[in-house]
Amino acid sequence: MLKKCTVLFFAFLLICIGISCHVQEKSTNRIVSERFIVQTDFSSWIIESLKVSPDRKRVAYAAQVGNKRFVVVDGKEEKQYDGIGIIGGGRIVFDSPDSLHYLVLKGSSIYLVEERIRQE
């Protein structure tokens, strides 16, 4: 019985070592890069709202300060509204690298905001 347990232990140990070596081999084939886009203050960030433009050069997200909500594009706060339509399936959408749209709430009315981002 002791021999069977010892053999099973060493078989299990060899399998674990093999899996570990296989995982290490795969991870060495990864190429990772990062590019700075914009520095932002996420203290008011609404988590589900983060979007990146198709060319990966712009970032937009909804934020809230007090009872007002607004969209932040490339670190710049846009106009404040009573609500931003991102909860329950709504979202911020980049139509192109320089154009986005989203729904907002002003009082009891819903508006579609379309923004064109000018190159500076």
N, C-alpha and C. Protein backbone atom coordinates (compact mmCIF):
# COMPACT_ATOMS: atom_id res chain seq x y z
N MET A 1 0.83 -1.19 0.00
CA MET A 1 0.00 0.00 0.00
C MET A 1 0.87 1.25 0.00
N LEU A 2 1.93 1.24 0.81
CA LEU A 2 2.83 2.38 0.90
C LEU A 2 3.52 2.64 -0.44
N LYS A 3 3.87 1.55 -1.14
CA LYS A 3 4.53 1.70 -2.45
C LYS A 3 3.57 2.34 -3.46
N LYS A 4 2.31 1.94 -3.45
CA LYS A 4 1.33 2.51 -4.37
C LYS A 4 1.14 3.99 -4.11
N CYS A 5 1.06 4.37 -2.84
CA CYS A 5 0.91 5.78 -2.49
C CYS A 5 2.12 6.58 -2.91
N THR A 6 3.32 6.02 -2.71
CA THR A 6 4.55 6.70 -3.08
C THR A 6 4.61 6.89 -4.60
N VAL A 7 4.26 5.85 -5.35
CA VAL A 7 4.27 5.92 -6.82
C VAL A 7 3.25 6.96 -7.29
N LEU A 8 2.06 6.96 -6.72
CA LEU A 8 1.05 7.94 -7.10
C LEU A 8 1.51 9.36 -6.78
N PHE A 9 2.15 9.54 -5.64
CA PHE A 9 2.66 10.87 -5.26
C PHE A 9 3.68 11.36 -6.28
N PHE A 10 4.64 10.50 -6.63
CA PHE A 10 5.67 10.92 -7.58
C PHE A 10 5.09 11.13 -8.99
N ALA A 11 4.09 10.35 -9.36
CA ALA A 11 3.44 10.54 -10.66
C ALA A 11 2.73 11.90 -10.68
N PHE A 12 2.03 12.21 -9.60
CA PHE A 12 1.36 13.50 -9.49
C PHE A 12 2.37 14.64 -9.52
N LEU A 13 3.49 14.47 -8.82
CA LEU A 13 4.54 15.49 -8.79
C LEU A 13 5.12 15.73 -10.18
N LEU A 14 5.37 14.66 -10.92
CA LEU A 14 5.89 14.80 -12.29
C LEU A 14 4.89 15.50 -13.20
N ILE A 15 3.62 15.18 -13.05
CA ILE A 15 2.59 15.84 -13.86
C ILE A 15 2.56 17.34 -13.55
N CYS A 16 2.62 17.69 -12.27
CA CYS A 16 2.62 19.11 -11.89
C CYS A 16 3.84 19.84 -12.44
N ILE A 17 4.99 19.20 -12.38
CA ILE A 17 6.21 19.81 -12.92
C ILE A 17 6.08 19.99 -14.43
N GLY A 18 5.52 19.00 -15.12
CA GLY A 18 5.33 19.10 -16.57
C GLY A 18 4.39 20.23 -16.94
N ILE A 19 3.29 20.35 -16.20
CA ILE A 19 2.35 21.45 -16.46
C ILE A 19 3.01 22.79 -16.20
N SER A 20 3.77 22.87 -15.13
CA SER A 20 4.45 24.12 -14.80
C SER A 20 5.44 24.51 -15.90
N CYS A 21 6.20 23.56 -16.40
CA CYS A 21 7.15 23.86 -17.48
C CYS A 21 6.42 24.28 -18.74
N HIS A 22 5.31 23.63 -19.03
CA HIS A 22 4.53 23.96 -20.22
C HIS A 22 3.98 25.39 -20.13
N VAL A 23 3.48 25.77 -18.98
CA VAL A 23 2.95 27.12 -18.78
C VAL A 23 4.06 28.14 -18.91
N GLN A 24 5.22 27.86 -18.36
CA GLN A 24 6.34 28.79 -18.45
C GLN A 24 6.79 28.96 -19.89
N GLU A 25 6.80 27.88 -20.67
CA GLU A 25 7.19 27.98 -22.08
C GLU A 25 6.22 28.88 -22.85
N LYS A 26 4.93 28.72 -22.61
CA LYS A 26 3.95 29.54 -23.32
C LYS A 26 4.06 31.01 -22.94
N SER A 27 4.31 31.31 -21.68
CA SER A 27 4.35 32.70 -21.25
C SER A 27 5.57 33.43 -21.81
N THR A 28 6.63 32.72 -22.15
CA THR A 28 7.81 33.38 -22.70
C THR A 28 7.60 33.80 -24.15
N ASN A 29 6.56 33.30 -24.81
CA ASN A 29 6.28 33.65 -26.19
C ASN A 29 5.43 34.91 -26.32
N ARG A 30 5.03 35.48 -25.21
CA ARG A 30 4.17 36.66 -25.23
C ARG A 30 4.97 37.92 -25.54
N ILE A 31 4.34 38.79 -26.29
CA ILE A 31 4.91 40.11 -26.55
C ILE A 31 3.93 41.12 -25.97
N VAL A 32 4.38 41.90 -25.03
CA VAL A 32 3.53 42.87 -24.35
C VAL A 32 4.06 44.26 -24.62
N SER A 33 3.14 45.16 -24.95
CA SER A 33 3.53 46.55 -25.12
C SER A 33 2.50 47.43 -24.45
N GLU A 34 2.91 48.61 -24.08
CA GLU A 34 1.97 49.56 -23.51
C GLU A 34 2.29 50.94 -24.04
N ARG A 35 1.23 51.73 -24.17
CA ARG A 35 1.37 53.08 -24.71
C ARG A 35 0.54 54.02 -23.85
N PHE A 36 1.14 55.11 -23.39
CA PHE A 36 0.44 56.10 -22.59
C PHE A 36 -0.58 56.81 -23.45
N ILE A 37 -1.82 56.89 -22.99
CA ILE A 37 -2.87 57.60 -23.73
C ILE A 37 -3.17 58.92 -23.06
N VAL A 38 -3.60 58.88 -21.81
CA VAL A 38 -3.95 60.10 -21.09
C VAL A 38 -3.96 59.80 -19.60
N GLN A 39 -3.59 60.77 -18.80
CA GLN A 39 -3.66 60.61 -17.35
C GLN A 39 -5.02 61.11 -16.90
N THR A 40 -5.71 60.31 -16.11
CA THR A 40 -7.06 60.66 -15.69
C THR A 40 -7.23 60.45 -14.19
N ASP A 41 -8.25 61.11 -13.67
CA ASP A 41 -8.63 60.96 -12.26
C ASP A 41 -9.84 60.05 -12.21
N PHE A 42 -9.68 58.84 -11.74
CA PHE A 42 -10.76 57.87 -11.74
C PHE A 42 -11.59 57.91 -10.45
N SER A 43 -11.43 58.93 -9.63
CA SER A 43 -12.19 59.00 -8.39
C SER A 43 -13.69 59.17 -8.65
N SER A 44 -14.07 59.75 -9.78
CA SER A 44 -15.48 59.95 -10.09
C SER A 44 -15.95 59.04 -11.22
N TRP A 45 -15.12 58.13 -11.65
CA TRP A 45 -15.35 57.26 -12.79
C TRP A 45 -16.51 56.30 -12.53
N ILE A 46 -17.39 56.14 -13.51
CA ILE A 46 -18.45 55.14 -13.48
C ILE A 46 -17.90 53.91 -14.21
N ILE A 47 -17.68 52.84 -13.48
CA ILE A 47 -16.86 51.71 -13.92
C ILE A 47 -17.24 51.14 -15.28
N GLU A 48 -18.50 50.88 -15.54
CA GLU A 48 -18.91 50.20 -16.78
C GLU A 48 -18.74 51.04 -18.03
N SER A 49 -18.34 52.28 -17.91
CA SER A 49 -18.41 53.21 -19.03
C SER A 49 -17.12 53.37 -19.83
N LEU A 50 -16.02 52.83 -19.41
CA LEU A 50 -14.73 53.07 -20.07
C LEU A 50 -14.73 52.55 -21.50
N LYS A 51 -14.38 53.42 -22.45
CA LYS A 51 -14.29 53.06 -23.87
C LYS A 51 -12.99 53.61 -24.45
N VAL A 52 -12.43 52.87 -25.39
CA VAL A 52 -11.21 53.29 -26.09
C VAL A 52 -11.55 53.42 -27.56
N SER A 53 -11.01 54.45 -28.20
CA SER A 53 -11.30 54.70 -29.62
C SER A 53 -10.73 53.57 -30.49
N PRO A 54 -11.25 53.43 -31.71
CA PRO A 54 -10.78 52.37 -32.61
C PRO A 54 -9.27 52.41 -32.88
N ASP A 55 -8.69 53.59 -32.91
CA ASP A 55 -7.24 53.69 -33.15
C ASP A 55 -6.43 53.61 -31.85
N ARG A 56 -7.12 53.40 -30.73
CA ARG A 56 -6.51 53.24 -29.40
C ARG A 56 -5.74 54.47 -28.94
N LYS A 57 -6.11 55.64 -29.41
CA LYS A 57 -5.42 56.87 -29.01
C LYS A 57 -6.26 57.73 -28.08
N ARG A 58 -7.54 57.42 -27.93
CA ARG A 58 -8.44 58.23 -27.11
C ARG A 58 -9.18 57.35 -26.11
N VAL A 59 -9.51 57.96 -24.97
CA VAL A 59 -10.24 57.28 -23.92
C VAL A 59 -11.43 58.14 -23.52
N ALA A 60 -12.58 57.52 -23.33
CA ALA A 60 -13.76 58.23 -22.85
C ALA A 60 -14.42 57.39 -21.77
N TYR A 61 -14.96 58.07 -20.77
CA TYR A 61 -15.70 57.38 -19.73
C TYR A 61 -16.68 58.35 -19.09
N ALA A 62 -17.72 57.82 -18.47
CA ALA A 62 -18.68 58.64 -17.75
C ALA A 62 -18.20 58.80 -16.31
N ALA A 63 -18.50 59.96 -15.75
CA ALA A 63 -18.10 60.26 -14.37
C ALA A 63 -19.25 60.97 -13.67
N GLN A 64 -19.17 60.98 -12.35
CA GLN A 64 -20.21 61.63 -11.56
C GLN A 64 -19.57 62.41 -10.43
N VAL A 65 -20.02 63.65 -10.28
CA VAL A 65 -19.63 64.48 -9.15
C VAL A 65 -20.93 65.04 -8.58
N GLY A 66 -21.19 64.71 -7.33
CA GLY A 66 -22.47 65.11 -6.73
C GLY A 66 -23.59 64.40 -7.45
N ASN A 67 -24.59 65.16 -7.86
CA ASN A 67 -25.71 64.55 -8.59
C ASN A 67 -25.63 64.80 -10.10
N LYS A 68 -24.52 65.31 -10.59
CA LYS A 68 -24.33 65.56 -12.03
C LYS A 68 -23.41 64.53 -12.63
N ARG A 69 -23.72 64.14 -13.87
CA ARG A 69 -22.90 63.19 -14.60
C ARG A 69 -22.40 63.84 -15.88
N PHE A 70 -21.25 63.38 -16.33
CA PHE A 70 -20.65 63.94 -17.53
C PHE A 70 -19.71 62.92 -18.14
N VAL A 71 -19.31 63.16 -19.38
CA VAL A 71 -18.36 62.29 -20.06
C VAL A 71 -17.01 62.98 -20.05
N VAL A 72 -15.96 62.20 -19.83
CA VAL A 72 -14.59 62.70 -19.86
C VAL A 72 -13.92 62.09 -21.09
N VAL A 73 -13.42 62.94 -21.98
CA VAL A 73 -12.74 62.48 -23.19
C VAL A 73 -11.30 62.98 -23.13
N ASP A 74 -10.37 62.05 -23.17
CA ASP A 74 -8.94 62.37 -23.10
C ASP A 74 -8.61 63.25 -21.90
N GLY A 75 -9.26 62.98 -20.77
CA GLY A 75 -8.99 63.72 -19.54
C GLY A 75 -9.72 65.04 -19.42
N LYS A 76 -10.50 65.43 -20.43
CA LYS A 76 -11.23 66.71 -20.41
C LYS A 76 -12.71 66.46 -20.14
N GLU A 77 -13.22 67.09 -19.07
CA GLU A 77 -14.63 66.95 -18.72
C GLU A 77 -15.51 67.69 -19.73
N GLU A 78 -16.56 67.02 -20.17
CA GLU A 78 -17.52 67.62 -21.08
C GLU A 78 -18.69 68.20 -20.27
N LYS A 79 -19.73 68.64 -20.94
CA LYS A 79 -20.89 69.27 -20.32
C LYS A 79 -21.56 68.33 -19.31
N GLN A 80 -22.07 68.90 -18.21
CA GLN A 80 -22.73 68.11 -17.17
C GLN A 80 -24.22 67.94 -17.45
N TYR A 81 -24.73 66.75 -17.09
CA TYR A 81 -26.14 66.41 -17.30
C TYR A 81 -26.69 65.76 -16.03
N ASP A 82 -28.00 65.54 -16.04
CA ASP A 82 -28.64 64.84 -14.92
C ASP A 82 -28.30 63.35 -14.94
N GLY A 83 -28.02 62.82 -16.10
CA GLY A 83 -27.68 61.41 -16.22
C GLY A 83 -27.01 61.12 -17.55
N ILE A 84 -26.24 60.03 -17.59
CA ILE A 84 -25.60 59.55 -18.81
C ILE A 84 -26.15 58.15 -19.06
N GLY A 85 -26.61 57.88 -20.26
CA GLY A 85 -27.25 56.60 -20.58
C GLY A 85 -26.30 55.46 -20.77
N ILE A 86 -25.63 55.01 -19.72
CA ILE A 86 -24.74 53.86 -19.84
C ILE A 86 -25.23 52.68 -19.03
N ILE A 87 -26.13 52.92 -18.09
CA ILE A 87 -26.62 51.85 -17.23
C ILE A 87 -27.76 51.14 -17.96
N GLY A 88 -27.80 49.82 -17.87
CA GLY A 88 -28.86 49.05 -18.50
C GLY A 88 -28.68 48.87 -19.99
N GLY A 89 -27.46 48.84 -20.46
CA GLY A 89 -27.21 48.55 -21.86
C GLY A 89 -26.76 49.73 -22.71
N GLY A 90 -26.96 50.95 -22.24
CA GLY A 90 -26.47 52.11 -22.99
C GLY A 90 -24.95 52.17 -22.94
N ARG A 91 -24.35 52.98 -23.78
CA ARG A 91 -22.89 53.04 -23.78
C ARG A 91 -22.39 54.26 -24.52
N ILE A 92 -21.14 54.54 -24.31
CA ILE A 92 -20.42 55.55 -25.09
C ILE A 92 -19.88 54.82 -26.30
N VAL A 93 -20.09 55.38 -27.49
CA VAL A 93 -19.68 54.70 -28.72
C VAL A 93 -18.78 55.61 -29.52
N PHE A 94 -17.61 55.11 -29.90
CA PHE A 94 -16.72 55.81 -30.83
C PHE A 94 -17.13 55.39 -32.23
N ASP A 95 -17.61 56.34 -33.04
CA ASP A 95 -17.94 56.05 -34.44
C ASP A 95 -16.67 55.97 -35.27
N SER A 96 -15.70 56.75 -34.88
CA SER A 96 -14.40 56.81 -35.54
C SER A 96 -13.42 57.30 -34.49
N PRO A 97 -12.14 57.39 -34.79
CA PRO A 97 -11.19 57.88 -33.79
C PRO A 97 -11.51 59.30 -33.30
N ASP A 98 -12.21 60.10 -34.10
CA ASP A 98 -12.47 61.49 -33.74
C ASP A 98 -13.95 61.82 -33.53
N SER A 99 -14.78 60.80 -33.35
CA SER A 99 -16.21 61.03 -33.21
C SER A 99 -16.82 60.00 -32.26
N LEU A 100 -17.64 60.49 -31.32
CA LEU A 100 -18.32 59.58 -30.40
C LEU A 100 -19.72 60.10 -30.10
N HIS A 101 -20.56 59.21 -29.58
CA HIS A 101 -21.90 59.62 -29.17
C HIS A 101 -22.34 58.82 -27.95
N TYR A 102 -23.33 59.40 -27.24
CA TYR A 102 -23.88 58.77 -26.05
C TYR A 102 -25.21 59.45 -25.73
N LEU A 103 -26.01 58.80 -24.91
CA LEU A 103 -27.30 59.34 -24.49
C LEU A 103 -27.16 60.06 -23.15
N VAL A 104 -27.90 61.17 -22.99
CA VAL A 104 -27.89 61.91 -21.74
C VAL A 104 -29.32 62.20 -21.31
N LEU A 105 -29.46 62.48 -20.03
CA LEU A 105 -30.75 62.81 -19.46
C LEU A 105 -30.70 64.23 -18.94
N LYS A 106 -31.63 65.07 -19.42
CA LYS A 106 -31.80 66.45 -18.93
C LYS A 106 -33.24 66.56 -18.47
N GLY A 107 -33.43 66.64 -17.15
CA GLY A 107 -34.79 66.64 -16.63
C GLY A 107 -35.45 65.32 -16.96
N SER A 108 -36.57 65.36 -17.66
CA SER A 108 -37.26 64.13 -18.06
C SER A 108 -37.07 63.84 -19.54
N SER A 109 -36.12 64.52 -20.20
CA SER A 109 -35.88 64.32 -21.63
C SER A 109 -34.56 63.60 -21.86
N ILE A 110 -34.53 62.79 -22.91
CA ILE A 110 -33.32 62.07 -23.30
C ILE A 110 -32.80 62.68 -24.60
N TYR A 111 -31.49 62.94 -24.64
CA TYR A 111 -30.85 63.53 -25.82
C TYR A 111 -29.72 62.62 -26.29
N LEU A 112 -29.47 62.65 -27.58
CA LEU A 112 -28.31 61.99 -28.15
C LEU A 112 -27.23 63.05 -28.33
N VAL A 113 -26.10 62.86 -27.68
CA VAL A 113 -24.98 63.80 -27.82
C VAL A 113 -23.99 63.20 -28.80
N GLU A 114 -23.64 63.97 -29.82
CA GLU A 114 -22.63 63.56 -30.79
C GLU A 114 -21.47 64.53 -30.69
N GLU A 115 -20.30 64.02 -30.47
CA GLU A 115 -19.11 64.88 -30.32
C GLU A 115 -18.10 64.59 -31.41
N ARG A 116 -17.56 65.63 -31.95
CA ARG A 116 -16.44 65.52 -32.88
C ARG A 116 -15.23 66.08 -32.15
N ILE A 117 -14.18 65.34 -32.11
CA ILE A 117 -12.98 65.73 -31.37
C ILE A 117 -12.02 66.39 -32.35
N ARG A 118 -11.65 67.62 -32.05
CA ARG A 118 -10.74 68.36 -32.93
C ARG A 118 -9.30 68.02 -32.58
N GLN A 119 -8.49 67.89 -33.61
CA GLN A 119 -7.06 67.66 -33.41
C GLN A 119 -6.40 68.93 -32.93
N GLU A 120 -5.58 68.82 -31.91
CA GLU A 120 -4.87 70.01 -31.38
C GLU A 120 -3.41 69.94 -31.70
